[in-house]
N, C-alpha and C. Protein backbone atom coordinates (compact mmCIF):
# COMPACT_ATOMS: atom_id res chain seq x y z
N MET A 1 84.46 141.47 89.71
CA MET A 1 83.15 141.99 89.24
C MET A 1 82.05 140.98 89.61
N PRO A 2 80.94 141.56 90.25
CA PRO A 2 79.85 140.48 90.40
C PRO A 2 79.33 139.88 89.28
N LYS A 3 78.75 138.67 89.60
CA LYS A 3 78.01 137.98 88.41
C LYS A 3 76.81 138.75 87.91
N LEU A 4 76.64 138.86 86.60
CA LEU A 4 75.48 139.51 86.06
C LEU A 4 74.31 138.54 86.28
N ALA A 5 73.18 139.47 86.52
CA ALA A 5 71.72 138.65 86.74
C ALA A 5 71.34 138.25 85.27
N GLN A 6 70.84 137.16 85.17
CA GLN A 6 70.20 136.62 83.84
C GLN A 6 68.84 137.20 83.81
N ILE A 7 68.48 137.88 82.72
CA ILE A 7 67.05 138.49 82.59
C ILE A 7 66.63 137.79 81.26
N LYS A 8 65.15 137.88 81.04
CA LYS A 8 64.62 137.20 79.85
C LYS A 8 64.77 137.91 78.59
N THR A 9 64.93 139.30 78.75
CA THR A 9 65.06 140.02 77.52
C THR A 9 66.63 140.21 77.25
N LYS A 10 67.06 139.60 76.12
CA LYS A 10 68.36 139.58 75.74
C LYS A 10 68.51 140.08 74.29
N GLU A 11 69.70 140.56 73.96
CA GLU A 11 70.07 140.81 72.53
C GLU A 11 69.79 139.64 71.56
N THR A 12 69.25 139.85 70.46
CA THR A 12 69.00 138.81 69.51
C THR A 12 69.61 139.14 68.19
N THR A 13 69.46 138.25 67.24
CA THR A 13 70.08 138.55 65.96
C THR A 13 68.82 138.91 64.92
N ALA A 14 67.77 139.04 65.36
CA ALA A 14 66.57 139.32 64.57
C ALA A 14 66.85 140.71 63.81
N ASP A 15 66.35 140.81 62.81
CA ASP A 15 66.49 141.89 61.84
C ASP A 15 65.59 143.04 62.29
N VAL A 16 66.16 144.29 62.64
CA VAL A 16 65.42 145.40 63.02
C VAL A 16 64.54 146.02 61.98
N LYS A 17 64.97 146.17 60.85
CA LYS A 17 64.16 146.63 59.63
C LYS A 17 62.93 145.80 59.25
N GLU A 18 63.25 144.47 59.46
CA GLU A 18 62.11 143.58 59.19
C GLU A 18 61.04 143.69 60.37
N PHE A 19 61.38 143.78 61.52
CA PHE A 19 60.56 144.12 62.69
C PHE A 19 59.74 145.30 62.45
N ILE A 20 60.33 146.40 62.18
CA ILE A 20 59.58 147.58 61.84
C ILE A 20 58.56 147.52 60.71
N SER A 21 59.07 146.95 59.69
CA SER A 21 58.31 146.65 58.46
C SER A 21 56.93 145.95 58.64
N ALA A 22 57.16 144.92 59.59
CA ALA A 22 56.00 144.19 60.06
C ALA A 22 54.92 144.78 60.90
N LEU A 23 55.20 146.11 61.30
CA LEU A 23 54.17 146.64 62.17
C LEU A 23 53.00 146.98 61.33
N LYS A 24 51.91 146.64 61.93
CA LYS A 24 50.51 146.95 61.20
C LYS A 24 50.21 148.28 60.92
N ASP A 25 50.47 149.12 61.82
CA ASP A 25 50.05 150.59 61.74
C ASP A 25 51.08 151.40 61.05
N GLU A 26 50.54 152.00 59.94
CA GLU A 26 51.59 152.87 59.05
C GLU A 26 52.13 154.05 59.89
N GLN A 27 51.34 154.76 60.74
CA GLN A 27 51.91 155.78 61.43
C GLN A 27 53.05 155.29 62.37
N GLN A 28 52.68 154.31 63.01
CA GLN A 28 53.68 153.64 63.93
C GLN A 28 55.02 153.25 63.19
N ARG A 29 54.83 152.67 61.99
CA ARG A 29 56.18 152.36 61.25
C ARG A 29 56.89 153.66 60.98
N ARG A 30 56.26 154.68 60.35
CA ARG A 30 56.88 155.88 60.03
C ARG A 30 57.55 156.45 61.41
N ASP A 31 56.84 156.47 62.53
CA ASP A 31 57.46 156.97 63.55
C ASP A 31 58.63 156.15 64.12
N ALA A 32 58.62 154.86 64.07
CA ALA A 32 59.64 153.94 64.37
C ALA A 32 60.95 154.23 63.57
N LEU A 33 60.61 154.46 62.21
CA LEU A 33 61.78 154.72 61.36
C LEU A 33 62.53 156.12 61.71
N VAL A 34 61.72 157.08 62.29
CA VAL A 34 62.30 158.42 62.60
C VAL A 34 63.11 158.27 63.88
N ILE A 35 62.58 157.44 64.82
CA ILE A 35 63.31 157.24 66.20
C ILE A 35 64.55 156.42 65.77
N LEU A 36 64.50 155.42 65.04
CA LEU A 36 65.64 154.65 64.64
C LEU A 36 66.60 155.29 64.14
N LYS A 37 66.47 156.28 63.15
CA LYS A 37 67.54 157.09 62.54
C LYS A 37 68.01 158.11 63.63
N MET A 38 67.14 158.63 64.45
CA MET A 38 67.54 159.57 65.33
C MET A 38 68.63 158.95 66.52
N MET A 39 68.12 157.70 66.85
CA MET A 39 69.02 157.02 67.99
C MET A 39 70.38 156.48 67.36
N GLN A 40 70.21 156.20 66.13
CA GLN A 40 71.52 155.62 65.49
C GLN A 40 72.41 156.72 65.34
N LYS A 41 71.99 157.87 64.85
CA LYS A 41 72.74 158.99 64.65
C LYS A 41 73.39 159.50 65.96
N ALA A 42 72.71 159.61 67.08
CA ALA A 42 73.15 160.09 68.32
C ALA A 42 74.05 159.11 69.02
N SER A 43 73.78 157.87 68.84
CA SER A 43 74.67 156.81 69.51
C SER A 43 75.89 156.39 68.71
N GLY A 44 75.83 156.61 67.36
CA GLY A 44 76.74 155.93 66.54
C GLY A 44 76.91 154.48 66.46
N GLU A 45 75.76 153.89 66.93
CA GLU A 45 75.78 152.29 67.08
C GLU A 45 74.73 151.86 66.09
N LYS A 46 74.90 150.62 65.74
CA LYS A 46 73.87 149.85 64.97
C LYS A 46 72.80 149.40 65.77
N PRO A 47 71.56 149.51 65.39
CA PRO A 47 70.40 148.92 66.09
C PRO A 47 70.43 147.49 66.21
N LYS A 48 70.00 146.95 67.47
CA LYS A 48 69.83 145.50 67.72
C LYS A 48 68.67 145.19 68.34
N MET A 49 67.95 144.14 68.04
CA MET A 49 66.70 143.66 68.55
C MET A 49 67.13 143.05 70.02
N TRP A 50 66.24 143.39 70.90
CA TRP A 50 66.39 142.94 72.34
C TRP A 50 65.11 142.21 72.52
N GLY A 51 65.07 140.87 72.87
CA GLY A 51 63.71 140.27 72.85
C GLY A 51 63.06 140.36 71.56
N SER A 52 61.60 140.24 71.64
CA SER A 52 60.94 140.34 70.32
C SER A 52 60.52 141.66 69.95
N SER A 53 60.65 142.76 70.84
CA SER A 53 60.06 143.94 70.56
C SER A 53 60.75 145.20 70.90
N LEU A 54 62.02 145.08 71.52
CA LEU A 54 62.82 146.23 71.85
C LEU A 54 63.98 146.36 70.88
N ILE A 55 64.21 147.60 70.47
CA ILE A 55 65.34 147.93 69.67
C ILE A 55 66.31 148.81 70.49
N GLY A 56 67.45 148.28 70.59
CA GLY A 56 68.50 149.04 71.47
C GLY A 56 69.79 149.42 70.76
N PHE A 57 70.51 150.40 71.27
CA PHE A 57 71.66 150.96 70.72
C PHE A 57 72.71 150.82 71.81
N GLY A 58 73.97 150.27 71.53
CA GLY A 58 75.00 150.39 72.51
C GLY A 58 74.82 149.18 73.53
N ASN A 59 75.68 149.00 74.29
CA ASN A 59 75.58 148.00 75.50
C ASN A 59 76.22 148.56 76.71
N LEU A 60 75.71 148.17 77.84
CA LEU A 60 76.15 148.64 79.06
C LEU A 60 75.84 147.66 80.22
N ILE A 61 76.52 147.79 81.35
CA ILE A 61 76.11 147.09 82.44
C ILE A 61 75.30 147.91 83.35
N TYR A 62 74.00 147.71 83.48
CA TYR A 62 73.11 148.56 84.27
C TYR A 62 73.07 148.05 85.82
N THR A 63 73.27 148.91 86.64
CA THR A 63 73.13 148.51 88.19
C THR A 63 71.86 149.10 88.63
N SER A 64 70.92 148.35 89.23
CA SER A 64 69.70 148.73 89.63
C SER A 64 69.91 149.42 91.06
N PRO A 65 69.51 150.86 91.15
CA PRO A 65 69.72 151.59 92.40
C PRO A 65 69.01 151.00 93.51
N ALA A 66 68.00 150.23 93.28
CA ALA A 66 67.19 149.73 94.45
C ALA A 66 67.65 148.42 94.95
N THR A 67 68.22 147.45 93.91
CA THR A 67 68.60 146.27 94.49
C THR A 67 70.17 145.92 94.33
N GLY A 68 70.76 146.93 93.49
CA GLY A 68 72.22 146.69 93.20
C GLY A 68 72.50 145.53 92.17
N ARG A 69 71.39 144.87 91.68
CA ARG A 69 71.45 143.88 90.85
C ARG A 69 72.16 144.24 89.36
N GLN A 70 72.94 143.65 88.76
CA GLN A 70 73.51 144.18 87.52
C GLN A 70 73.20 143.34 86.40
N VAL A 71 72.61 144.01 85.18
CA VAL A 71 72.31 143.24 84.14
C VAL A 71 72.95 143.89 82.83
N GLU A 72 73.07 143.10 81.72
CA GLU A 72 73.46 143.57 80.47
C GLU A 72 72.29 144.23 79.83
N TRP A 73 72.37 145.58 79.28
CA TRP A 73 71.18 146.19 78.71
C TRP A 73 71.78 147.14 77.69
N PHE A 74 70.89 147.87 77.04
CA PHE A 74 71.36 148.84 76.02
C PHE A 74 71.39 150.16 76.56
N ARG A 75 72.20 151.04 76.02
CA ARG A 75 72.34 152.41 76.47
C ARG A 75 71.04 153.24 76.17
N ILE A 76 70.50 153.03 75.16
CA ILE A 76 69.35 153.75 74.69
C ILE A 76 68.52 152.98 73.83
N GLY A 77 67.22 153.06 73.88
CA GLY A 77 66.33 152.29 72.95
C GLY A 77 64.93 152.60 72.99
N PHE A 78 64.23 151.78 72.17
CA PHE A 78 62.66 152.09 72.07
C PHE A 78 62.00 150.87 71.62
N SER A 79 60.63 151.02 71.74
CA SER A 79 59.90 149.93 71.29
C SER A 79 58.42 150.53 70.93
N PRO A 80 58.04 150.20 69.62
CA PRO A 80 56.78 150.63 69.13
C PRO A 80 55.62 149.79 69.63
N ARG A 81 55.01 150.07 70.70
CA ARG A 81 54.08 149.24 71.29
C ARG A 81 52.70 149.73 70.85
N LYS A 82 51.70 148.76 71.10
CA LYS A 82 50.40 148.99 70.49
C LYS A 82 49.92 150.46 70.91
N GLY A 83 49.91 150.80 72.27
CA GLY A 83 49.35 152.11 72.69
C GLY A 83 50.17 153.28 72.49
N ASN A 84 51.55 153.10 72.37
CA ASN A 84 52.51 154.22 72.21
C ASN A 84 53.74 153.88 71.97
N LEU A 85 54.67 154.72 71.73
CA LEU A 85 56.19 154.46 71.53
C LEU A 85 56.77 154.68 72.90
N SER A 86 57.44 153.67 73.29
CA SER A 86 58.26 153.61 74.50
C SER A 86 59.67 153.82 74.20
N LEU A 87 60.22 154.92 74.76
CA LEU A 87 61.60 155.23 74.65
C LEU A 87 62.29 154.97 75.94
N TYR A 88 63.47 154.33 76.03
CA TYR A 88 64.13 153.88 77.13
C TYR A 88 65.31 154.84 77.41
N PHE A 89 65.28 155.59 78.50
CA PHE A 89 66.42 156.40 78.74
C PHE A 89 67.17 156.18 79.93
N MET A 90 66.86 155.22 80.66
CA MET A 90 67.44 154.80 81.97
C MET A 90 67.47 155.79 82.94
N ASP A 91 67.79 157.13 82.69
CA ASP A 91 67.63 158.02 83.85
C ASP A 91 67.03 159.41 83.26
N LEU A 92 65.62 159.49 83.60
CA LEU A 92 65.05 160.69 82.91
C LEU A 92 65.34 161.98 83.85
N SER A 93 65.95 161.92 85.05
CA SER A 93 66.31 162.98 85.84
C SER A 93 67.03 164.09 85.13
N ALA A 94 67.87 163.75 84.09
CA ALA A 94 68.70 164.64 83.34
C ALA A 94 67.91 165.51 82.30
N HIS A 95 66.66 164.91 82.24
CA HIS A 95 65.83 165.76 81.20
C HIS A 95 64.62 166.48 81.79
N THR A 96 64.73 166.94 82.92
CA THR A 96 63.62 167.63 83.63
C THR A 96 63.15 168.74 82.80
N ALA A 97 63.98 169.65 82.43
CA ALA A 97 63.71 170.93 81.81
C ALA A 97 63.12 170.56 80.24
N ALA A 98 63.73 169.59 79.63
CA ALA A 98 63.32 169.26 78.23
C ALA A 98 62.04 168.69 78.34
N LEU A 99 61.68 167.73 79.31
CA LEU A 99 60.33 167.22 79.39
C LEU A 99 59.24 168.23 79.42
N LYS A 100 59.40 169.49 80.10
CA LYS A 100 58.48 170.51 80.17
C LYS A 100 58.22 171.23 78.76
N LYS A 101 59.23 171.13 77.91
CA LYS A 101 59.04 171.69 76.48
C LYS A 101 58.68 170.69 75.51
N LEU A 102 58.69 169.37 75.81
CA LEU A 102 58.62 168.20 74.82
C LEU A 102 57.30 168.25 74.11
N GLY A 103 56.21 168.41 74.90
CA GLY A 103 54.92 168.26 74.35
C GLY A 103 54.16 167.13 75.02
N LYS A 104 53.13 166.51 74.37
CA LYS A 104 52.32 165.58 75.04
C LYS A 104 53.11 164.15 75.21
N HIS A 105 53.16 163.71 76.47
CA HIS A 105 53.93 162.43 76.74
C HIS A 105 53.49 162.11 78.32
N THR A 106 53.93 160.84 78.57
CA THR A 106 53.78 160.51 79.98
C THR A 106 55.24 159.79 80.28
N THR A 107 55.57 159.68 81.43
CA THR A 107 56.93 158.91 81.89
C THR A 107 56.59 157.75 82.84
N GLY A 108 57.54 156.92 82.82
CA GLY A 108 57.64 155.83 83.81
C GLY A 108 59.09 155.93 84.36
N LYS A 109 59.28 154.90 84.95
CA LYS A 109 60.84 154.78 85.54
C LYS A 109 61.67 154.59 84.26
N GLY A 110 62.42 155.60 84.02
CA GLY A 110 63.37 155.36 82.93
C GLY A 110 62.81 155.58 81.61
N CYS A 111 61.41 155.46 81.47
CA CYS A 111 60.75 155.43 80.09
C CYS A 111 59.98 156.69 79.80
N LEU A 112 59.95 156.98 78.54
CA LEU A 112 59.15 158.08 78.01
C LEU A 112 58.06 157.57 77.03
N TYR A 113 56.93 157.80 77.23
CA TYR A 113 55.75 157.21 76.41
C TYR A 113 55.21 158.38 75.53
N ILE A 114 55.15 158.17 74.19
CA ILE A 114 54.76 159.10 73.29
C ILE A 114 53.62 158.37 72.47
N LYS A 115 52.59 158.95 72.19
CA LYS A 115 51.41 158.34 71.32
C LYS A 115 51.95 158.43 69.93
N ARG A 116 52.27 159.61 69.47
CA ARG A 116 52.73 159.78 68.07
C ARG A 116 53.63 160.86 68.11
N LEU A 117 54.74 160.77 67.29
CA LEU A 117 55.78 161.88 67.18
C LEU A 117 55.23 163.23 66.86
N GLU A 118 54.18 163.39 66.12
CA GLU A 118 53.58 164.65 65.85
C GLU A 118 52.97 165.30 67.13
N ASP A 119 53.08 164.58 68.19
CA ASP A 119 52.49 165.25 69.42
C ASP A 119 53.62 165.85 70.24
N VAL A 120 54.96 165.80 69.78
CA VAL A 120 56.01 166.30 70.48
C VAL A 120 56.86 167.15 69.61
N ASP A 121 57.76 167.92 70.28
CA ASP A 121 58.63 168.71 69.60
C ASP A 121 59.94 167.89 69.26
N LEU A 122 60.21 167.64 67.95
CA LEU A 122 61.13 166.63 67.62
C LEU A 122 62.67 167.24 67.87
N LYS A 123 62.80 168.56 67.87
CA LYS A 123 64.17 169.14 68.24
C LYS A 123 64.47 168.76 69.59
N VAL A 124 63.49 169.00 70.54
CA VAL A 124 63.52 168.61 72.05
C VAL A 124 63.93 167.15 72.15
N LEU A 125 63.20 166.34 71.57
CA LEU A 125 63.41 164.94 71.69
C LEU A 125 64.76 164.53 71.25
N GLU A 126 65.12 165.06 69.93
CA GLU A 126 66.66 164.85 69.42
C GLU A 126 67.61 165.13 70.51
N LYS A 127 67.42 166.31 71.21
CA LYS A 127 68.53 166.78 72.22
C LYS A 127 68.49 165.71 73.32
N MET A 128 67.31 165.31 73.69
CA MET A 128 67.15 164.26 74.81
C MET A 128 67.86 163.07 74.43
N VAL A 129 67.67 162.50 73.19
CA VAL A 129 68.32 161.29 72.72
C VAL A 129 69.76 161.41 72.66
N ALA A 130 70.23 162.53 72.20
CA ALA A 130 71.72 162.93 72.04
C ALA A 130 72.39 162.85 73.41
N VAL A 131 71.71 163.49 74.47
CA VAL A 131 72.40 163.54 75.82
C VAL A 131 72.30 162.17 76.30
N THR A 132 71.33 161.34 76.29
CA THR A 132 71.25 159.96 76.77
C THR A 132 72.29 159.07 76.05
N ALA A 133 72.39 159.23 74.87
CA ALA A 133 73.33 158.28 74.14
C ALA A 133 74.71 158.60 74.57
N LYS A 134 75.09 159.84 75.09
CA LYS A 134 76.52 160.05 75.54
C LYS A 134 76.65 159.85 77.00
N GLN A 135 75.72 159.50 77.69
CA GLN A 135 75.89 159.15 79.21
C GLN A 135 76.62 158.00 79.41
């Protein structure tokens, strides 16, 4: 097996609930708790902090399709960032149809960005999370 690349963002022992409780914006705290519960239910995994602001569920060895570099990462996760909630799905191509029904969002490479959960259909998001957690 090839040697894993070392990246800055690693799993830590920081407390997830403390991190969420410390968020200054009340809406962001509420949304983060909903996503936390949703991802925990779908993955069957306990949440873990990755770096100072990412919450991940499960572990996997991710191979970059562009470089072939392998890193240890989480299966599914999110981060309540200042501008939006960033949800990490690794591969959004499996969600093309769901994204059309989701509501107000933007995407990046493997990331789904949502301003507020009230902007999206939670049932659609829940299905996306469930599918990703089982990939």
